[in-house]
Amino acid sequence: MSMPRRRIIRPAPEVVTAPDRSRQVQRLRERLDKERMALARWQTKLKRAFNAVEKSQKKVARLERNITNLEA
């Protein structure tokens, strides 16, 4: 334990050149567009499903009210 710890020598990080960075930004923008389109598709499906569930809940509530009124 009297020996000092060894220092890890790592290579210096690579410097990204302008063309590489612009290509990377372009790829990220393309991915962003794809993800936005997918999100828009899912949101329309979600809205449709939400409205269907809301409609069913209203029907169930109305039927339960009618049953309690007839039983009372």
PDB file of N, CA and C in Angstrom:
ATOM      1  N   MET A   1       0.803  -1.197   0.000  1.00  0.00           N
ATOM      2  CA  MET A   1       0.000   0.000   0.000  1.00  0.00           C
ATOM      3  C   MET A   1       0.843   1.258   0.000  1.00  0.00           C
ATOM      4  N   SER A   2       2.148   1.100   0.161  1.00  0.00           N
ATOM      5  CA  SER A   2       2.978   2.293   0.176  1.00  0.00           C
ATOM      6  C   SER A   2       3.240   2.823  -1.235  1.00  0.00           C
ATOM      7  N   MET A   3       2.917   2.021  -2.257  1.00  0.00           N
ATOM      8  CA  MET A   3       3.130   2.475  -3.637  1.00  0.00           C
ATOM      9  C   MET A   3       1.978   3.395  -4.067  1.00  0.00           C
ATOM     10  N   PRO A   4       2.285   4.464  -4.774  1.00  0.00           N
ATOM     11  CA  PRO A   4       1.211   5.350  -5.251  1.00  0.00           C
ATOM     12  C   PRO A   4       0.395   4.657  -6.343  1.00  0.00           C
ATOM     13  N   ARG A   5      -0.847   5.070  -6.446  1.00  0.00           N
ATOM     14  CA  ARG A   5      -1.699   4.490  -7.486  1.00  0.00           C
ATOM     15  C   ARG A   5      -1.200   4.916  -8.852  1.00  0.00           C
ATOM     16  N   ARG A   6      -1.452   4.058  -9.807  1.00  0.00           N
ATOM     17  CA  ARG A   6      -1.039   4.394 -11.174  1.00  0.00           C
ATOM     18  C   ARG A   6      -2.059   5.323 -11.802  1.00  0.00           C
ATOM     19  N   ARG A   7      -1.574   6.205 -12.592  1.00  0.00           N
ATOM     20  CA  ARG A   7      -2.445   7.152 -13.272  1.00  0.00           C
ATOM     21  C   ARG A   7      -2.825   6.579 -14.629  1.00  0.00           C
ATOM     22  N   ILE A   8      -4.102   6.562 -14.940  1.00  0.00           N
ATOM     23  CA  ILE A   8      -4.563   6.052 -16.220  1.00  0.00           C
ATOM     24  C   ILE A   8      -4.387   7.138 -17.265  1.00  0.00           C
ATOM     25  N   ILE A   9      -3.680   6.785 -18.319  1.00  0.00           N
ATOM     26  CA  ILE A   9      -3.443   7.748 -19.394  1.00  0.00           C
ATOM     27  C   ILE A   9      -4.395   7.399 -20.535  1.00  0.00           C
ATOM     28  N   ARG A  10      -5.275   8.328 -20.820  1.00  0.00           N
ATOM     29  CA  ARG A  10      -6.238   8.111 -21.891  1.00  0.00           C
ATOM     30  C   ARG A  10      -5.869   8.998 -23.070  1.00  0.00           C
ATOM     31  N   PRO A  11      -6.192   8.538 -24.291  1.00  0.00           N
ATOM     32  CA  PRO A  11      -5.897   9.388 -25.449  1.00  0.00           C
ATOM     33  C   PRO A  11      -6.780  10.634 -25.432  1.00  0.00           C
ATOM     34  N   ALA A  12      -6.281  11.698 -26.004  1.00  0.00           N
ATOM     35  CA  ALA A  12      -7.030  12.959 -26.059  1.00  0.00           C
ATOM     36  C   ALA A  12      -8.269  12.765 -26.928  1.00  0.00           C
ATOM     37  N   PRO A  13      -9.360  13.406 -26.574  1.00  0.00           N
ATOM     38  CA  PRO A  13     -10.575  13.254 -27.391  1.00  0.00           C
ATOM     39  C   PRO A  13     -10.361  13.828 -28.785  1.00  0.00           C
ATOM     40  N   GLU A  14     -10.981  13.159 -29.754  1.00  0.00           N
ATOM     41  CA  GLU A  14     -10.827  13.602 -31.133  1.00  0.00           C
ATOM     42  C   GLU A  14     -11.579  14.906 -31.345  1.00  0.00           C
ATOM     43  N   VAL A  15     -10.992  15.768 -32.115  1.00  0.00           N
ATOM     44  CA  VAL A  15     -11.641  17.034 -32.436  1.00  0.00           C
ATOM     45  C   VAL A  15     -12.534  16.797 -33.651  1.00  0.00           C
ATOM     46  N   VAL A  16     -13.818  17.139 -33.500  1.00  0.00           N
ATOM     47  CA  VAL A  16     -14.762  16.924 -34.584  1.00  0.00           C
ATOM     48  C   VAL A  16     -14.655  18.088 -35.557  1.00  0.00           C
ATOM     49  N   THR A  17     -14.451  17.751 -36.814  1.00  0.00           N
ATOM     50  CA  THR A  17     -14.326  18.799 -37.829  1.00  0.00           C
ATOM     51  C   THR A  17     -15.708  19.284 -38.250  1.00  0.00           C
ATOM     52  N   ALA A  18     -15.761  20.387 -38.927  1.00  0.00           N
ATOM     53  CA  ALA A  18     -17.033  20.999 -39.329  1.00  0.00           C
ATOM     54  C   ALA A  18     -17.879  20.085 -40.217  1.00  0.00           C
ATOM     55  N   PRO A  19     -17.321  19.421 -41.245  1.00  0.00           N
ATOM     56  CA  PRO A  19     -18.168  18.546 -42.069  1.00  0.00           C
ATOM     57  C   PRO A  19     -18.747  17.381 -41.270  1.00  0.00           C
ATOM     58  N   ASP A  20     -17.935  16.831 -40.350  1.00  0.00           N
ATOM     59  CA  ASP A  20     -18.442  15.733 -39.524  1.00  0.00           C
ATOM     60  C   ASP A  20     -19.572  16.209 -38.636  1.00  0.00           C
ATOM     61  N   ARG A  21     -19.413  17.380 -38.062  1.00  0.00           N
ATOM     62  CA  ARG A  21     -20.436  17.917 -37.162  1.00  0.00           C
ATOM     63  C   ARG A  21     -21.728  18.209 -37.931  1.00  0.00           C
ATOM     64  N   SER A  22     -21.614  18.772 -39.125  1.00  0.00           N
ATOM     65  CA  SER A  22     -22.811  19.083 -39.906  1.00  0.00           C
ATOM     66  C   SER A  22     -23.524  17.800 -40.326  1.00  0.00           C
ATOM     67  N   ARG A  23     -22.754  16.755 -40.643  1.00  0.00           N
ATOM     68  CA  ARG A  23     -23.355  15.467 -40.996  1.00  0.00           C
ATOM     69  C   ARG A  23     -24.083  14.881 -39.791  1.00  0.00           C
ATOM     70  N   GLN A  24     -23.469  15.013 -38.627  1.00  0.00           N
ATOM     71  CA  GLN A  24     -24.087  14.500 -37.407  1.00  0.00           C
ATOM     72  C   GLN A  24     -25.362  15.268 -37.087  1.00  0.00           C
ATOM     73  N   VAL A  25     -25.332  16.579 -37.245  1.00  0.00           N
ATOM     74  CA  VAL A  25     -26.519  17.397 -37.000  1.00  0.00           C
ATOM     75  C   VAL A  25     -27.621  17.020 -37.982  1.00  0.00           C
ATOM     76  N   GLN A  26     -27.237  16.794 -39.241  1.00  0.00           N
ATOM     77  CA  GLN A  26     -28.222  16.415 -40.251  1.00  0.00           C
ATOM     78  C   GLN A  26     -28.882  15.088 -39.879  1.00  0.00           C
ATOM     79  N   ARG A  27     -28.084  14.105 -39.459  1.00  0.00           N
ATOM     80  CA  ARG A  27     -28.642  12.807 -39.048  1.00  0.00           C
ATOM     81  C   ARG A  27     -29.578  12.969 -37.855  1.00  0.00           C
ATOM     82  N   LEU A  28     -29.176  13.794 -36.892  1.00  0.00           N
ATOM     83  CA  LEU A  28     -30.028  14.001 -35.720  1.00  0.00           C
ATOM     84  C   LEU A  28     -31.342  14.679 -36.113  1.00  0.00           C
ATOM     85  N   ARG A  29     -31.272  15.640 -37.046  1.00  0.00           N
ATOM     86  CA  ARG A  29     -32.500  16.302 -37.502  1.00  0.00           C
ATOM     87  C   ARG A  29     -33.431  15.327 -38.210  1.00  0.00           C
ATOM     88  N   GLU A  30     -32.865  14.419 -38.989  1.00  0.00           N
ATOM     89  CA  GLU A  30     -33.679  13.403 -39.664  1.00  0.00           C
ATOM     90  C   GLU A  30     -34.358  12.489 -38.641  1.00  0.00           C
ATOM     91  N   ARG A  31     -33.603  12.086 -37.629  1.00  0.00           N
ATOM     92  CA  ARG A  31     -34.194  11.250 -36.568  1.00  0.00           C
ATOM     93  C   ARG A  31     -35.295  11.991 -35.833  1.00  0.00           C
ATOM     94  N   LEU A  32     -35.068  13.302 -35.581  1.00  0.00           N
ATOM     95  CA  LEU A  32     -36.067  14.122 -34.904  1.00  0.00           C
ATOM     96  C   LEU A  32     -37.346  14.190 -35.730  1.00  0.00           C
ATOM     97  N   ASP A  33     -37.220  14.375 -37.044  1.00  0.00           N
ATOM     98  CA  ASP A  33     -38.400  14.412 -37.909  1.00  0.00           C
ATOM     99  C   ASP A  33     -39.161  13.095 -37.853  1.00  0.00           C
ATOM    100  N   LYS A  34     -38.430  11.971 -37.914  1.00  0.00           N
ATOM    101  CA  LYS A  34     -39.069  10.652 -37.841  1.00  0.00           C
ATOM    102  C   LYS A  34     -39.832  10.490 -36.527  1.00  0.00           C
ATOM    103  N   GLU A  35     -39.179  10.861 -35.421  1.00  0.00           N
ATOM    104  CA  GLU A  35     -39.802  10.704 -34.108  1.00  0.00           C
ATOM    105  C   GLU A  35     -41.018  11.612 -33.955  1.00  0.00           C
ATOM    106  N   ARG A  36     -40.950  12.829 -34.513  1.00  0.00           N
ATOM    107  CA  ARG A  36     -42.104  13.729 -34.451  1.00  0.00           C
ATOM    108  C   ARG A  36     -43.276  13.161 -35.226  1.00  0.00           C
ATOM    109  N   MET A  37     -43.001  12.569 -36.392  1.00  0.00           N
ATOM    110  CA  MET A  37     -44.074  11.967 -37.184  1.00  0.00           C
ATOM    111  C   MET A  37     -44.694  10.793 -36.443  1.00  0.00           C
ATOM    112  N   ALA A  38     -43.854   9.973 -35.820  1.00  0.00           N
ATOM    113  CA  ALA A  38     -44.359   8.825 -35.056  1.00  0.00           C
ATOM    114  C   ALA A  38     -45.203   9.302 -33.876  1.00  0.00           C
ATOM    115  N   LEU A  39     -44.754  10.346 -33.213  1.00  0.00           N
ATOM    116  CA  LEU A  39     -45.507  10.889 -32.084  1.00  0.00           C
ATOM    117  C   LEU A  39     -46.857  11.412 -32.537  1.00  0.00           C
ATOM    118  N   ALA A  40     -46.897  12.090 -33.666  1.00  0.00           N
ATOM    119  CA  ALA A  40     -48.166  12.609 -34.191  1.00  0.00           C
ATOM    120  C   ALA A  40     -49.132  11.463 -34.485  1.00  0.00           C
ATOM    121  N   ARG A  41     -48.622  10.373 -35.067  1.00  0.00           N
ATOM    122  CA  ARG A  41     -49.482   9.210 -35.339  1.00  0.00           C
ATOM    123  C   ARG A  41     -50.047   8.635 -34.043  1.00  0.00           C
ATOM    124  N   TRP A  42     -49.177   8.472 -33.041  1.00  0.00           N
ATOM    125  CA  TRP A  42     -49.631   7.909 -31.775  1.00  0.00           C
ATOM    126  C   TRP A  42     -50.621   8.834 -31.080  1.00  0.00           C
ATOM    127  N   GLN A  43     -50.413  10.139 -31.194  1.00  0.00           N
ATOM    128  CA  GLN A  43     -51.324  11.068 -30.528  1.00  0.00           C
ATOM    129  C   GLN A  43     -52.726  10.984 -31.119  1.00  0.00           C
ATOM    130  N   THR A  44     -52.839  10.828 -32.443  1.00  0.00           N
ATOM    131  CA  THR A  44     -54.173  10.702 -33.034  1.00  0.00           C
ATOM    132  C   THR A  44     -54.832   9.413 -32.559  1.00  0.00           C
ATOM    133  N   LYS A  45     -54.054   8.337 -32.492  1.00  0.00           N
ATOM    134  CA  LYS A  45     -54.614   7.063 -31.992  1.00  0.00           C
ATOM    135  C   LYS A  45     -55.041   7.206 -30.532  1.00  0.00           C
ATOM    136  N   LEU A  46     -54.223   7.903 -29.757  1.00  0.00           N
ATOM    137  CA  LEU A  46     -54.524   8.085 -28.343  1.00  0.00           C
ATOM    138  C   LEU A  46     -55.789   8.908 -28.152  1.00  0.00           C
ATOM    139  N   LYS A  47     -55.941   9.979 -28.947  1.00  0.00           N
ATOM    140  CA  LYS A  47     -57.151  10.802 -28.853  1.00  0.00           C
ATOM    141  C   LYS A  47     -58.384   9.974 -29.176  1.00  0.00           C
ATOM    142  N   ARG A  48     -58.292   9.177 -30.234  1.00  0.00           N
ATOM    143  CA  ARG A  48     -59.422   8.339 -30.639  1.00  0.00           C
ATOM    144  C   ARG A  48     -59.772   7.348 -29.528  1.00  0.00           C
ATOM    145  N   ALA A  49     -58.767   6.717 -28.947  1.00  0.00           N
ATOM    146  CA  ALA A  49     -58.992   5.756 -27.871  1.00  0.00           C
ATOM    147  C   ALA A  49     -59.577   6.445 -26.640  1.00  0.00           C
ATOM    148  N   PHE A  50     -59.059   7.615 -26.315  1.00  0.00           N
ATOM    149  CA  PHE A  50     -59.557   8.353 -25.154  1.00  0.00           C
ATOM    150  C   PHE A  50     -61.030   8.697 -25.333  1.00  0.00           C
ATOM    151  N   ASN A  51     -61.394   9.166 -26.529  1.00  0.00           N
ATOM    152  CA  ASN A  51     -62.792   9.509 -26.781  1.00  0.00           C
ATOM    153  C   ASN A  51     -63.687   8.278 -26.700  1.00  0.00           C
ATOM    154  N   ALA A  52     -63.218   7.134 -27.179  1.00  0.00           N
ATOM    155  CA  ALA A  52     -63.997   5.897 -27.108  1.00  0.00           C
ATOM    156  C   ALA A  52     -64.214   5.487 -25.654  1.00  0.00           C
ATOM    157  N   VAL A  53     -63.175   5.594 -24.841  1.00  0.00           N
ATOM    158  CA  VAL A  53     -63.303   5.230 -23.422  1.00  0.00           C
ATOM    159  C   VAL A  53     -64.261   6.187 -22.720  1.00  0.00           C
ATOM    160  N   GLU A  54     -64.140   7.467 -23.009  1.00  0.00           N
ATOM    161  CA  GLU A  54     -65.026   8.456 -22.393  1.00  0.00           C
ATOM    162  C   GLU A  54     -66.483   8.173 -22.750  1.00  0.00           C
ATOM    163  N   LYS A  55     -66.729   7.821 -23.999  1.00  0.00           N
ATOM    164  CA  LYS A  55     -68.080   7.503 -24.468  1.00  0.00           C
ATOM    165  C   LYS A  55     -68.633   6.283 -23.719  1.00  0.00           C
ATOM    166  N   SER A  56     -67.790   5.256 -23.576  1.00  0.00           N
ATOM    167  CA  SER A  56     -68.219   4.042 -22.862  1.00  0.00           C
ATOM    168  C   SER A  56     -68.516   4.344 -21.399  1.00  0.00           C
ATOM    169  N   GLN A  57     -67.704   5.193 -20.766  1.00  0.00           N
ATOM    170  CA  GLN A  57     -67.944   5.544 -19.369  1.00  0.00           C
ATOM    171  C   GLN A  57     -69.279   6.259 -19.216  1.00  0.00           C
ATOM    172  N   LYS A  58     -69.591   7.148 -20.150  1.00  0.00           N
ATOM    173  CA  LYS A  58     -70.877   7.849 -20.091  1.00  0.00           C
ATOM    174  C   LYS A  58     -72.037   6.881 -20.249  1.00  0.00           C
ATOM    175  N   LYS A  59     -71.913   5.913 -21.165  1.00  0.00           N
ATOM    176  CA  LYS A  59     -72.963   4.920 -21.367  1.00  0.00           C
ATOM    177  C   LYS A  59     -73.171   4.089 -20.112  1.00  0.00           C
ATOM    178  N   VAL A  60     -72.069   3.652 -19.501  1.00  0.00           N
ATOM    179  CA  VAL A  60     -72.152   2.833 -18.286  1.00  0.00           C
ATOM    180  C   VAL A  60     -72.803   3.638 -17.169  1.00  0.00           C
ATOM    181  N   ALA A  61     -72.405   4.888 -17.003  1.00  0.00           N
ATOM    182  CA  ALA A  61     -72.985   5.725 -15.951  1.00  0.00           C
ATOM    183  C   ALA A  61     -74.476   5.919 -16.183  1.00  0.00           C
ATOM    184  N   ARG A  62     -74.868   6.166 -17.437  1.00  0.00           N
ATOM    185  CA  ARG A  62     -76.285   6.361 -17.748  1.00  0.00           C
ATOM    186  C   ARG A  62     -77.086   5.084 -17.470  1.00  0.00           C
ATOM    187  N   LEU A  63     -76.547   3.927 -17.871  1.00  0.00           N
ATOM    188  CA  LEU A  63     -77.242   2.657 -17.627  1.00  0.00           C
ATOM    189  C   LEU A  63     -77.366   2.385 -16.130  1.00  0.00           C
ATOM    190  N   GLU A  64     -76.301   2.659 -15.363  1.00  0.00           N
ATOM    191  CA  GLU A  64     -76.364   2.454 -13.913  1.00  0.00           C
ATOM    192  C   GLU A  64     -77.410   3.367 -13.280  1.00  0.00           C
ATOM    193  N   ARG A  65     -77.468   4.607 -13.737  1.00  0.00           N
ATOM    194  CA  ARG A  65     -78.486   5.545 -13.230  1.00  0.00           C
ATOM    195  C   ARG A  65     -79.890   5.048 -13.535  1.00  0.00           C
ATOM    196  N   ASN A  66     -80.088   4.572 -14.770  1.00  0.00           N
ATOM    197  CA  ASN A  66     -81.406   4.050 -15.150  1.00  0.00           C
ATOM    198  C   ASN A  66     -81.793   2.841 -14.292  1.00  0.00           C
ATOM    199  N   ILE A  67     -80.848   1.962 -14.033  1.00  0.00           N
ATOM    200  CA  ILE A  67     -81.125   0.765 -13.218  1.00  0.00           C
ATOM    201  C   ILE A  67     -81.498   1.191 -11.791  1.00  0.00           C
ATOM    202  N   THR A  68     -80.727   2.111 -11.216  1.00  0.00           N
ATOM    203  CA  THR A  68     -81.048   2.533  -9.838  1.00  0.00           C
ATOM    204  C   THR A  68     -82.392   3.238  -9.781  1.00  0.00           C
ATOM    205  N   ASN A  69     -82.741   4.005 -10.815  1.00  0.00           N
ATOM    206  CA  ASN A  69     -84.055   4.679 -10.845  1.00  0.00           C
ATOM    207  C   ASN A  69     -85.181   3.652 -10.942  1.00  0.00           C
ATOM    208  N   LEU A  70     -84.994   2.597 -11.736  1.00  0.00           N
ATOM    209  CA  LEU A  70     -86.042   1.577 -11.887  1.00  0.00           C
ATOM    210  C   LEU A  70     -86.182   0.725 -10.646  1.00  0.00           C
ATOM    211  N   GLU A  71     -85.074   0.487  -9.938  1.00  0.00           N
ATOM    212  CA  GLU A  71     -85.120  -0.338  -8.734  1.00  0.00           C
ATOM    213  C   GLU A  71     -85.685   0.431  -7.545  1.00  0.00           C
ATOM    214  N   ALA A  72     -85.578   1.741  -7.551  1.00  0.00           N
ATOM    215  CA  ALA A  72     -86.035   2.520  -6.398  1.00  0.00           C
ATOM    216  C   ALA A  72     -87.523   2.761  -6.424  1.00  0.00           C
TER     217      ALA A  72
END
